[in-house]
């Protein structure tokens, strides 16, 4: 029965097409996958945001230190230029200067911590920038490689589709419809070989009568268990 032989050929073509189309899908997923790039970019954005925030704290601390130094200079001038001679006033000035010096020490320590944190994030930003450049280079190489494979695969698919169209013309319409329906419902495998009296689709054993009908090729014989079309070589 010519339809059976042609369906076997068609199944081989369709199975290969399924594999090639699956490869194309995987390639497209690889080409559009930007997870690593997005993670690296998020790290850079985080570090940049943190550095902007730290810079504000640094300017605020530096401005405060500048104010303290100006106040200290003004008080020191009063203390040493002889303009104040009253002991109580001198004591009050010395106390104010002492308080400012303490405040200055606290703020200097605070500024030092800010600067160290800033250095830490600058280092991290530099490392993350190097990482993202490497990722972009890898993605560019991957795109070049996979684009070539994709192009070659698409050419092969085109040739198989042309071959498939030719084979389908050799199959009776009712048989082709049944084949296409089984392809949709049987995970792409509509027709299977019988080996050692067993259906290779579901592994059920066939009776001698069933096997004889398949050998005679008088009509389509379907497996009573999985419903796939059966054939023998």
Foldseek 3Di string as FASTA:
>chain_A
DQQVVLVVVLLVLLVVLVVLVVLLVVLVCLLPDCPVLVVLVVLLVVLVVVLVVLVVVLVVLVVVLVVLVVVLVVLVCCQPVPPDDDPVVNVVSVVVNVVSVVVNVVSVVVNVVSVVVSVVSVVVNVVSVVVSVVVVVVSVVSCVVSVVVSVVSVVVSVVSVVVSVVSVVSHDPVSVVQQVVQCVVLVRAQEAEQDPQATPSPGDHHDPVLVVCQAVPPDFRADPPSRHTYHYD
